[in-house]
Amino acid sequence: MSCIYSFFDCCRILCPNATVAWWVVKGYTLVELLIVTVLLSILATLGMPVIKEIMESHRVISTVETMKAIAASADVARRLPGGDIFTDASTSEIATLLNNYEANSQGLTNSPLQTYWGTSYLITTTGQYATVRVSIPLRDINPFETIATSSGASTILLVSHKPRGVNRSSVVTSIYNKRHLYLESTDD
């Protein structure tokens, strides 16, 4: 016969000392693949409660932070003077009122970055106070942090006292954030 070699014979001639030939590589069996799949599904099942707990704790933390901001806004709304004398009040009067709540205690009228000129604080009231009940202790919360910073240039404060009907919200808006506070009406 002629000297015709198969592919495997050529490989044996080239690598005579190889104990395991590279062309005879054993693959994974179906049982091995099933065992790996079962182990991965067991690990995923054991990890799901941990992942759910982490997601729930993140949701609780963000809810508490939002409640603190709402409570701080409610505290500011409760302390603001009511009555029609503050409707369209001058900017300097409102800036003087809000100096007590500023986060960095520079004072809106004293800050070198911004004076009260060019900043509008609009307070509309019906002449009566709104009753706001806050269930979170406010001693560690600085209310002005949720209103504005002295570096902003277009801060608007709109407070509605004694809300009626759909007008039951106190909206505190600054350049970078917007807060809505829903107050319960006291005219039962």
N, C-alpha and C. Protein backbone atom coordinates (compact mmCIF):
# COMPACT_ATOMS: atom_id res chain seq x y z
N MET A 1 0.83 -1.18 0.00
CA MET A 1 0.00 0.00 0.00
C MET A 1 0.87 1.23 0.00
N SER A 2 0.22 2.22 -0.42
CA SER A 2 0.96 3.47 -0.48
C SER A 2 1.11 4.05 0.91
N CYS A 3 1.90 5.05 0.97
CA CYS A 3 2.23 5.67 2.25
C CYS A 3 1.27 6.81 2.53
N ILE A 4 0.03 6.50 2.67
CA ILE A 4 -0.97 7.52 2.97
C ILE A 4 -1.28 7.42 4.46
N TYR A 5 -1.07 8.53 5.13
CA TYR A 5 -1.31 8.57 6.57
C TYR A 5 -2.57 9.38 6.84
N SER A 6 -3.26 8.94 7.84
CA SER A 6 -4.42 9.75 8.27
C SER A 6 -3.92 10.93 9.11
N PHE A 7 -4.84 11.81 9.42
CA PHE A 7 -4.49 13.00 10.22
C PHE A 7 -3.97 12.60 11.58
N PHE A 8 -4.61 11.62 12.20
CA PHE A 8 -4.19 11.20 13.54
C PHE A 8 -2.82 10.52 13.51
N ASP A 9 -2.56 9.79 12.45
CA ASP A 9 -1.24 9.16 12.33
C ASP A 9 -0.15 10.22 12.21
N CYS A 10 -0.42 11.28 11.46
CA CYS A 10 0.55 12.37 11.32
C CYS A 10 0.79 13.04 12.67
N CYS A 11 -0.24 13.22 13.43
CA CYS A 11 -0.08 13.86 14.74
C CYS A 11 0.71 12.97 15.67
N ARG A 12 0.53 11.65 15.58
CA ARG A 12 1.29 10.73 16.43
C ARG A 12 2.76 10.73 16.03
N ILE A 13 3.02 10.89 14.76
CA ILE A 13 4.41 10.91 14.31
C ILE A 13 5.09 12.19 14.79
N LEU A 14 4.35 13.33 14.75
CA LEU A 14 4.93 14.60 15.16
C LEU A 14 5.15 14.68 16.66
N CYS A 15 4.27 14.09 17.45
CA CYS A 15 4.36 14.15 18.92
C CYS A 15 4.33 12.73 19.47
N PRO A 16 5.43 11.99 19.37
CA PRO A 16 5.39 10.59 19.81
C PRO A 16 5.37 10.44 21.34
N ASN A 17 5.86 11.44 22.08
CA ASN A 17 5.93 11.32 23.54
C ASN A 17 4.72 11.91 24.26
N ALA A 18 3.74 12.41 23.54
CA ALA A 18 2.58 13.04 24.18
C ALA A 18 1.72 11.96 24.83
N THR A 19 1.40 12.19 26.12
CA THR A 19 0.55 11.21 26.81
C THR A 19 -0.92 11.43 26.48
N VAL A 20 -1.32 12.69 26.40
CA VAL A 20 -2.69 13.00 26.01
C VAL A 20 -2.60 13.87 24.77
N ALA A 21 -3.12 13.40 23.72
CA ALA A 21 -3.05 14.16 22.47
C ALA A 21 -4.04 15.30 22.51
N TRP A 22 -3.67 16.40 21.91
CA TRP A 22 -4.53 17.58 21.93
C TRP A 22 -5.78 17.37 21.10
N TRP A 23 -5.77 16.42 20.19
CA TRP A 23 -6.94 16.19 19.36
C TRP A 23 -7.96 15.29 20.03
N VAL A 24 -7.57 14.70 21.16
CA VAL A 24 -8.50 13.84 21.88
C VAL A 24 -8.83 14.51 23.21
N VAL A 25 -9.39 15.70 23.16
CA VAL A 25 -9.75 16.43 24.37
C VAL A 25 -11.17 16.05 24.74
N LYS A 26 -11.33 15.68 26.00
CA LYS A 26 -12.64 15.25 26.46
C LYS A 26 -13.47 16.47 26.81
N GLY A 27 -14.71 16.56 26.39
CA GLY A 27 -15.61 17.65 26.73
C GLY A 27 -16.34 17.36 28.02
N TYR A 28 -17.19 18.31 28.43
CA TYR A 28 -17.98 18.12 29.64
C TYR A 28 -19.15 17.22 29.34
N THR A 29 -19.47 16.39 30.30
CA THR A 29 -20.63 15.53 30.13
C THR A 29 -21.88 16.28 30.54
N LEU A 30 -23.00 15.75 30.19
CA LEU A 30 -24.28 16.37 30.52
C LEU A 30 -24.48 16.42 32.03
N VAL A 31 -24.04 15.42 32.74
CA VAL A 31 -24.19 15.38 34.19
C VAL A 31 -23.38 16.50 34.84
N GLU A 32 -22.16 16.72 34.36
CA GLU A 32 -21.34 17.80 34.91
C GLU A 32 -21.98 19.17 34.67
N LEU A 33 -22.50 19.38 33.49
CA LEU A 33 -23.18 20.64 33.19
C LEU A 33 -24.42 20.83 34.06
N LEU A 34 -25.17 19.76 34.29
CA LEU A 34 -26.36 19.86 35.14
C LEU A 34 -25.98 20.16 36.59
N ILE A 35 -24.91 19.57 37.08
CA ILE A 35 -24.47 19.83 38.45
C ILE A 35 -24.05 21.29 38.62
N VAL A 36 -23.32 21.81 37.66
CA VAL A 36 -22.91 23.22 37.73
C VAL A 36 -24.14 24.13 37.68
N THR A 37 -25.09 23.82 36.82
CA THR A 37 -26.32 24.62 36.73
C THR A 37 -27.10 24.59 38.03
N VAL A 38 -27.21 23.42 38.64
CA VAL A 38 -27.94 23.30 39.91
C VAL A 38 -27.22 24.08 41.01
N LEU A 39 -25.91 24.00 41.07
CA LEU A 39 -25.16 24.75 42.09
C LEU A 39 -25.33 26.25 41.91
N LEU A 40 -25.27 26.73 40.68
CA LEU A 40 -25.47 28.17 40.44
C LEU A 40 -26.88 28.61 40.80
N SER A 41 -27.87 27.79 40.51
CA SER A 41 -29.24 28.17 40.87
C SER A 41 -29.44 28.16 42.38
N ILE A 42 -28.78 27.24 43.09
CA ILE A 42 -28.87 27.23 44.56
C ILE A 42 -28.22 28.48 45.13
N LEU A 43 -27.06 28.85 44.62
CA LEU A 43 -26.40 30.08 45.09
C LEU A 43 -27.25 31.32 44.80
N ALA A 44 -27.88 31.36 43.63
CA ALA A 44 -28.74 32.50 43.31
C ALA A 44 -29.95 32.54 44.23
N THR A 45 -30.51 31.38 44.54
CA THR A 45 -31.67 31.32 45.45
C THR A 45 -31.28 31.77 46.85
N LEU A 46 -30.11 31.38 47.31
CA LEU A 46 -29.66 31.81 48.63
C LEU A 46 -29.33 33.31 48.66
N GLY A 47 -28.90 33.86 47.55
CA GLY A 47 -28.54 35.27 47.50
C GLY A 47 -29.70 36.23 47.31
N MET A 48 -30.84 35.76 46.85
CA MET A 48 -31.98 36.65 46.59
C MET A 48 -32.48 37.35 47.85
N PRO A 49 -32.64 36.69 48.99
CA PRO A 49 -33.08 37.44 50.19
C PRO A 49 -32.10 38.53 50.60
N VAL A 50 -30.81 38.27 50.42
CA VAL A 50 -29.82 39.29 50.77
C VAL A 50 -29.96 40.49 49.84
N ILE A 51 -30.13 40.24 48.56
CA ILE A 51 -30.30 41.33 47.60
C ILE A 51 -31.58 42.10 47.88
N LYS A 52 -32.67 41.39 48.19
CA LYS A 52 -33.93 42.06 48.52
C LYS A 52 -33.78 42.90 49.78
N GLU A 53 -33.06 42.38 50.77
CA GLU A 53 -32.86 43.13 52.01
C GLU A 53 -32.04 44.40 51.77
N ILE A 54 -31.04 44.31 50.92
CA ILE A 54 -30.23 45.49 50.59
C ILE A 54 -31.09 46.52 49.87
N MET A 55 -31.90 46.08 48.93
CA MET A 55 -32.78 47.01 48.20
C MET A 55 -33.80 47.65 49.15
N GLU A 56 -34.34 46.87 50.06
CA GLU A 56 -35.32 47.40 51.01
C GLU A 56 -34.68 48.41 51.95
N SER A 57 -33.46 48.12 52.42
CA SER A 57 -32.80 49.07 53.31
C SER A 57 -32.48 50.37 52.58
N HIS A 58 -32.10 50.29 51.31
CA HIS A 58 -31.86 51.51 50.53
C HIS A 58 -33.15 52.30 50.37
N ARG A 59 -34.26 51.60 50.14
CA ARG A 59 -35.55 52.29 50.01
C ARG A 59 -35.94 52.97 51.31
N VAL A 60 -35.71 52.30 52.44
CA VAL A 60 -36.04 52.88 53.74
C VAL A 60 -35.18 54.11 54.01
N ILE A 61 -33.89 54.02 53.70
CA ILE A 61 -33.00 55.16 53.93
C ILE A 61 -33.42 56.35 53.10
N SER A 62 -33.73 56.13 51.82
CA SER A 62 -34.14 57.25 50.98
C SER A 62 -35.48 57.81 51.43
N THR A 63 -36.38 56.95 51.92
CA THR A 63 -37.66 57.44 52.44
C THR A 63 -37.46 58.29 53.68
N VAL A 64 -36.58 57.86 54.58
CA VAL A 64 -36.31 58.63 55.80
C VAL A 64 -35.70 59.98 55.44
N GLU A 65 -34.79 60.01 54.47
CA GLU A 65 -34.19 61.29 54.07
C GLU A 65 -35.24 62.22 53.48
N THR A 66 -36.14 61.67 52.68
CA THR A 66 -37.22 62.49 52.12
C THR A 66 -38.14 62.99 53.23
N MET A 67 -38.43 62.14 54.21
CA MET A 67 -39.28 62.56 55.33
C MET A 67 -38.61 63.65 56.15
N LYS A 68 -37.28 63.56 56.31
CA LYS A 68 -36.57 64.62 57.03
C LYS A 68 -36.69 65.95 56.29
N ALA A 69 -36.55 65.90 54.96
CA ALA A 69 -36.67 67.13 54.17
C ALA A 69 -38.08 67.70 54.26
N ILE A 70 -39.08 66.82 54.21
CA ILE A 70 -40.47 67.28 54.33
C ILE A 70 -40.72 67.85 55.72
N ALA A 71 -40.20 67.18 56.75
CA ALA A 71 -40.39 67.68 58.11
C ALA A 71 -39.72 69.03 58.29
N ALA A 72 -38.54 69.19 57.71
CA ALA A 72 -37.86 70.48 57.81
C ALA A 72 -38.65 71.57 57.10
N SER A 73 -39.19 71.25 55.92
CA SER A 73 -40.03 72.23 55.21
C SER A 73 -41.28 72.55 56.01
N ALA A 74 -41.85 71.53 56.65
CA ALA A 74 -43.04 71.76 57.48
C ALA A 74 -42.71 72.65 58.66
N ASP A 75 -41.54 72.45 59.24
CA ASP A 75 -41.14 73.28 60.36
C ASP A 75 -40.96 74.73 59.92
N VAL A 76 -40.35 74.94 58.76
CA VAL A 76 -40.21 76.30 58.24
C VAL A 76 -41.57 76.91 57.96
N ALA A 77 -42.46 76.14 57.33
CA ALA A 77 -43.79 76.66 57.01
C ALA A 77 -44.56 77.00 58.28
N ARG A 78 -44.35 76.21 59.33
CA ARG A 78 -45.05 76.48 60.58
C ARG A 78 -44.52 77.74 61.25
N ARG A 79 -43.23 78.03 61.10
CA ARG A 79 -42.64 79.18 61.79
C ARG A 79 -42.78 80.49 61.02
N LEU A 80 -43.10 80.42 59.74
CA LEU A 80 -43.23 81.66 58.98
C LEU A 80 -44.44 82.44 59.45
N PRO A 81 -44.32 83.74 59.50
CA PRO A 81 -45.48 84.54 59.92
C PRO A 81 -46.61 84.42 58.91
N GLY A 82 -47.80 84.32 59.41
CA GLY A 82 -48.96 84.29 58.53
C GLY A 82 -49.57 85.67 58.40
N GLY A 83 -50.61 85.77 57.62
CA GLY A 83 -51.30 87.04 57.47
C GLY A 83 -51.00 87.69 56.15
N ASP A 84 -51.87 88.59 55.78
CA ASP A 84 -51.74 89.25 54.49
C ASP A 84 -50.63 90.27 54.44
N ILE A 85 -50.02 90.60 55.59
CA ILE A 85 -48.94 91.58 55.56
C ILE A 85 -47.71 91.03 54.86
N PHE A 86 -47.60 89.70 54.74
CA PHE A 86 -46.45 89.12 54.05
C PHE A 86 -46.74 88.81 52.59
N THR A 87 -47.93 89.09 52.11
CA THR A 87 -48.19 88.93 50.69
C THR A 87 -47.46 90.03 49.95
N ASP A 88 -46.64 89.64 49.00
CA ASP A 88 -45.81 90.58 48.23
C ASP A 88 -44.96 91.46 49.14
N ALA A 89 -44.42 90.86 50.19
CA ALA A 89 -43.54 91.61 51.10
C ALA A 89 -42.25 91.95 50.38
N SER A 90 -41.57 92.96 50.89
CA SER A 90 -40.31 93.34 50.25
C SER A 90 -39.27 92.25 50.44
N THR A 91 -38.35 92.18 49.52
CA THR A 91 -37.35 91.12 49.55
C THR A 91 -36.48 91.20 50.79
N SER A 92 -36.17 92.40 51.24
CA SER A 92 -35.29 92.51 52.41
C SER A 92 -35.97 91.99 53.67
N GLU A 93 -37.29 92.18 53.79
CA GLU A 93 -38.00 91.65 54.97
C GLU A 93 -37.95 90.13 54.99
N ILE A 94 -38.18 89.51 53.83
CA ILE A 94 -38.17 88.05 53.77
C ILE A 94 -36.75 87.52 53.96
N ALA A 95 -35.77 88.20 53.39
CA ALA A 95 -34.38 87.75 53.56
C ALA A 95 -33.98 87.81 55.03
N THR A 96 -34.42 88.86 55.73
CA THR A 96 -34.12 88.96 57.16
C THR A 96 -34.78 87.82 57.91
N LEU A 97 -36.01 87.48 57.52
CA LEU A 97 -36.72 86.38 58.17
C LEU A 97 -36.01 85.05 57.94
N LEU A 98 -35.50 84.83 56.73
CA LEU A 98 -34.91 83.53 56.40
C LEU A 98 -33.45 83.41 56.81
N ASN A 99 -32.83 84.47 57.27
CA ASN A 99 -31.43 84.38 57.70
C ASN A 99 -31.25 83.36 58.83
N ASN A 100 -32.28 83.18 59.65
CA ASN A 100 -32.17 82.24 60.76
C ASN A 100 -32.08 80.79 60.30
N TYR A 101 -32.50 80.52 59.07
CA TYR A 101 -32.57 79.14 58.61
C TYR A 101 -31.47 78.78 57.62
N GLU A 102 -30.55 79.66 57.37
CA GLU A 102 -29.55 79.38 56.34
C GLU A 102 -28.54 78.36 56.85
N ALA A 103 -28.12 77.47 55.96
CA ALA A 103 -27.26 76.36 56.36
C ALA A 103 -25.88 76.82 56.83
N ASN A 104 -25.27 77.76 56.13
CA ASN A 104 -23.91 78.16 56.48
C ASN A 104 -23.86 79.42 57.34
N SER A 105 -25.01 79.91 57.78
CA SER A 105 -25.13 81.05 58.71
C SER A 105 -24.41 82.30 58.22
N GLN A 106 -24.31 82.48 56.91
CA GLN A 106 -23.73 83.71 56.38
C GLN A 106 -24.75 84.83 56.33
N GLY A 107 -25.98 84.45 56.18
CA GLY A 107 -27.03 85.46 56.06
C GLY A 107 -27.25 85.84 54.60
N LEU A 108 -28.48 85.81 54.17
CA LEU A 108 -28.77 86.16 52.78
C LEU A 108 -28.40 87.60 52.49
N THR A 109 -28.58 88.47 53.47
CA THR A 109 -28.27 89.88 53.24
C THR A 109 -26.81 90.20 53.49
N ASN A 110 -26.08 89.30 54.14
CA ASN A 110 -24.68 89.56 54.48
C ASN A 110 -23.70 88.81 53.60
N SER A 111 -24.19 87.87 52.80
CA SER A 111 -23.30 87.03 52.03
C SER A 111 -22.60 87.82 50.94
N PRO A 112 -21.28 87.65 50.82
CA PRO A 112 -20.60 88.36 49.73
C PRO A 112 -20.93 87.77 48.37
N LEU A 113 -21.40 86.50 48.35
CA LEU A 113 -21.71 85.88 47.07
C LEU A 113 -23.05 86.37 46.52
N GLN A 114 -23.96 86.70 47.39
CA GLN A 114 -25.28 87.12 46.93
C GLN A 114 -25.94 87.97 47.99
N THR A 115 -26.44 89.09 47.62
CA THR A 115 -27.30 89.86 48.50
C THR A 115 -28.73 89.55 48.12
N TYR A 116 -29.67 90.13 48.84
CA TYR A 116 -31.06 89.82 48.54
C TYR A 116 -31.55 90.51 47.28
N TRP A 117 -30.78 91.39 46.69
CA TRP A 117 -31.19 92.02 45.44
C TRP A 117 -31.16 90.97 44.33
N GLY A 118 -32.19 90.93 43.53
CA GLY A 118 -32.28 89.95 42.45
C GLY A 118 -32.81 88.61 42.89
N THR A 119 -33.08 88.44 44.17
CA THR A 119 -33.64 87.20 44.68
C THR A 119 -35.05 87.48 45.16
N SER A 120 -36.00 86.70 44.70
CA SER A 120 -37.39 86.95 45.08
C SER A 120 -37.88 85.87 46.02
N TYR A 121 -38.55 86.31 47.07
CA TYR A 121 -39.20 85.40 48.02
C TYR A 121 -40.67 85.79 48.02
N LEU A 122 -41.49 84.97 47.41
CA LEU A 122 -42.92 85.27 47.31
C LEU A 122 -43.65 84.44 48.35
N ILE A 123 -44.35 85.10 49.27
CA ILE A 123 -45.13 84.40 50.27
C ILE A 123 -46.58 84.82 50.08
N THR A 124 -47.43 83.87 49.79
CA THR A 124 -48.85 84.14 49.67
C THR A 124 -49.57 83.44 50.81
N THR A 125 -50.43 84.16 51.49
CA THR A 125 -51.16 83.58 52.61
C THR A 125 -52.62 83.98 52.52
N THR A 126 -53.43 83.32 53.33
CA THR A 126 -54.84 83.67 53.43
C THR A 126 -55.11 84.42 54.73
N GLY A 127 -54.07 84.77 55.44
CA GLY A 127 -54.25 85.51 56.69
C GLY A 127 -54.28 84.63 57.91
N GLN A 128 -54.13 83.32 57.75
CA GLN A 128 -54.17 82.42 58.89
C GLN A 128 -53.03 81.42 58.78
N TYR A 129 -52.72 80.80 59.88
CA TYR A 129 -51.65 79.81 59.91
C TYR A 129 -52.18 78.45 59.49
N ALA A 130 -51.30 77.65 58.95
CA ALA A 130 -51.63 76.25 58.70
C ALA A 130 -51.17 75.43 59.89
N THR A 131 -51.92 74.42 60.22
CA THR A 131 -51.54 73.53 61.31
C THR A 131 -50.73 72.38 60.72
N VAL A 132 -49.48 72.28 61.12
CA VAL A 132 -48.60 71.23 60.62
C VAL A 132 -48.15 70.40 61.80
N ARG A 133 -48.46 69.14 61.76
CA ARG A 133 -48.00 68.24 62.82
C ARG A 133 -46.83 67.43 62.27
N VAL A 134 -45.70 67.51 62.92
CA VAL A 134 -44.49 66.83 62.46
C VAL A 134 -44.17 65.73 63.46
N SER A 135 -44.00 64.52 62.95
CA SER A 135 -43.74 63.39 63.85
C SER A 135 -42.25 63.06 63.97
N ILE A 136 -41.39 63.77 63.25
CA ILE A 136 -39.95 63.52 63.31
C ILE A 136 -39.30 64.61 64.14
N PRO A 137 -38.40 64.27 65.07
CA PRO A 137 -37.72 65.32 65.83
C PRO A 137 -36.90 66.20 64.90
N LEU A 138 -36.99 67.50 65.08
CA LEU A 138 -36.34 68.43 64.18
C LEU A 138 -35.10 69.08 64.77
N ARG A 139 -34.66 68.63 65.95
CA ARG A 139 -33.55 69.33 66.60
C ARG A 139 -32.24 69.18 65.82
N ASP A 140 -32.08 68.11 65.01
CA ASP A 140 -30.84 67.93 64.27
C ASP A 140 -30.97 68.34 62.80
N ILE A 141 -32.09 68.88 62.42
CA ILE A 141 -32.32 69.23 61.02
C ILE A 141 -32.25 70.73 60.88
N ASN A 142 -31.49 71.20 59.91
CA ASN A 142 -31.43 72.62 59.62
C ASN A 142 -32.44 72.91 58.52
N PRO A 143 -33.54 73.59 58.82
CA PRO A 143 -34.61 73.74 57.83
C PRO A 143 -34.19 74.45 56.56
N PHE A 144 -33.23 75.38 56.65
CA PHE A 144 -32.92 76.16 55.46
C PHE A 144 -32.21 75.33 54.39
N GLU A 145 -31.66 74.17 54.76
CA GLU A 145 -31.00 73.34 53.77
C GLU A 145 -31.97 72.90 52.69
N THR A 146 -33.24 72.80 53.01
CA THR A 146 -34.21 72.38 52.02
C THR A 146 -34.81 73.55 51.26
N ILE A 147 -34.46 74.77 51.63
CA ILE A 147 -35.04 75.93 50.95
C ILE A 147 -34.10 76.47 49.90
N ALA A 148 -32.90 76.87 50.28
CA ALA A 148 -32.01 77.51 49.32
C ALA A 148 -30.61 77.57 49.87
N THR A 149 -29.70 77.93 49.04
CA THR A 149 -28.35 78.25 49.46
C THR A 149 -28.05 79.67 49.04
N SER A 150 -27.09 80.28 49.70
CA SER A 150 -26.83 81.69 49.41
C SER A 150 -26.12 81.90 48.10
N SER A 151 -25.72 80.83 47.42
CA SER A 151 -25.06 81.00 46.13
C SER A 151 -26.04 80.97 44.97
N GLY A 152 -27.31 80.65 45.24
CA GLY A 152 -28.31 80.63 44.18
C GLY A 152 -28.70 82.04 43.77
N ALA A 153 -29.21 82.19 42.57
CA ALA A 153 -29.55 83.52 42.08
C ALA A 153 -31.04 83.69 41.85
N SER A 154 -31.82 82.62 41.87
CA SER A 154 -33.25 82.77 41.60
C SER A 154 -34.06 81.86 42.52
N THR A 155 -34.00 82.13 43.79
CA THR A 155 -34.71 81.33 44.77
C THR A 155 -36.12 81.85 44.94
N ILE A 156 -37.08 80.96 44.92
CA ILE A 156 -38.48 81.34 45.10
C ILE A 156 -39.04 80.52 46.25
N LEU A 157 -39.67 81.17 47.18
CA LEU A 157 -40.32 80.49 48.30
C LEU A 157 -41.79 80.80 48.24
N LEU A 158 -42.61 79.79 48.03
CA LEU A 158 -44.05 79.95 47.97
C LEU A 158 -44.66 79.11 49.08
N VAL A 159 -45.27 79.75 50.04
CA VAL A 159 -45.85 79.06 51.19
C VAL A 159 -47.33 79.33 51.21
N SER A 160 -48.14 78.30 51.26
CA SER A 160 -49.59 78.46 51.33
C SER A 160 -50.04 78.06 52.73
N HIS A 161 -50.60 79.00 53.46
CA HIS A 161 -51.14 78.71 54.79
C HIS A 161 -52.64 78.45 54.67
N LYS A 162 -53.14 77.64 55.56
CA LYS A 162 -54.55 77.27 55.60
C LYS A 162 -55.02 76.83 54.21
N PRO A 163 -54.47 75.75 53.67
CA PRO A 163 -54.81 75.35 52.31
C PRO A 163 -56.25 74.91 52.20
N ARG A 164 -56.83 75.16 51.05
CA ARG A 164 -58.22 74.77 50.79
C ARG A 164 -58.28 74.02 49.47
N GLY A 165 -59.09 72.98 49.42
CA GLY A 165 -59.30 72.25 48.18
C GLY A 165 -58.00 71.66 47.65
N VAL A 166 -57.73 71.91 46.37
CA VAL A 166 -56.52 71.36 45.78
C VAL A 166 -55.29 72.17 46.13
N ASN A 167 -55.48 73.39 46.65
CA ASN A 167 -54.34 74.22 47.04
C ASN A 167 -53.89 73.83 48.44
N ARG A 168 -53.35 72.64 48.57
CA ARG A 168 -52.96 72.13 49.88
C ARG A 168 -51.46 71.91 49.97
N SER A 169 -50.70 72.60 49.16
CA SER A 169 -49.27 72.31 49.14
C SER A 169 -48.45 73.54 49.43
N SER A 170 -47.33 73.31 50.05
CA SER A 170 -46.32 74.35 50.23
C SER A 170 -45.15 73.96 49.35
N VAL A 171 -44.83 74.78 48.38
CA VAL A 171 -43.79 74.43 47.41
C VAL A 171 -42.55 75.25 47.73
N VAL A 172 -41.46 74.57 47.95
CA VAL A 172 -40.19 75.24 48.20
C VAL A 172 -39.29 74.90 47.02
N THR A 173 -38.88 75.92 46.27
CA THR A 173 -38.13 75.69 45.04
C THR A 173 -36.84 76.49 45.07
N SER A 174 -35.76 75.87 44.69
CA SER A 174 -34.52 76.60 44.49
C SER A 174 -33.97 76.22 43.13
N ILE A 175 -32.77 76.67 42.83
CA ILE A 175 -32.21 76.40 41.51
C ILE A 175 -32.01 74.90 41.28
N TYR A 176 -31.49 74.20 42.28
CA TYR A 176 -31.08 72.82 42.06
C TYR A 176 -32.07 71.78 42.59
N ASN A 177 -33.04 72.17 43.37
CA ASN A 177 -33.96 71.15 43.87
C ASN A 177 -35.36 71.71 43.97
N LYS A 178 -36.31 70.82 44.12
CA LYS A 178 -37.71 71.23 44.23
C LYS A 178 -38.35 70.32 45.26
N ARG A 179 -39.01 70.92 46.24
CA ARG A 179 -39.66 70.15 47.30
C ARG A 179 -41.15 70.49 47.30
N HIS A 180 -41.97 69.48 47.45
CA HIS A 180 -43.41 69.67 47.60
C HIS A 180 -43.82 69.17 48.98
N LEU A 181 -44.53 69.98 49.71
CA LEU A 181 -45.00 69.60 51.03
C LEU A 181 -46.51 69.71 51.04
N TYR A 182 -47.21 68.63 51.32
CA TYR A 182 -48.66 68.63 51.34
C TYR A 182 -49.14 68.78 52.78
N LEU A 183 -49.87 69.84 53.03
CA LEU A 183 -50.35 70.16 54.37
C LEU A 183 -51.82 69.79 54.46
N GLU A 184 -52.19 69.18 55.57
CA GLU A 184 -53.59 68.86 55.80
C GLU A 184 -54.35 70.12 56.19
N SER A 185 -55.52 70.28 55.65
CA SER A 185 -56.33 71.45 55.96
C SER A 185 -56.86 71.34 57.39
N THR A 186 -56.94 72.49 58.07
CA THR A 186 -57.40 72.47 59.46
C THR A 186 -58.87 72.82 59.60
N ASP A 187 -59.55 73.13 58.50
CA ASP A 187 -60.98 73.47 58.59
C ASP A 187 -61.80 72.20 58.41
N ASP A 188 -61.98 71.46 59.49
CA ASP A 188 -62.73 70.20 59.46
C ASP A 188 -64.21 70.44 59.64
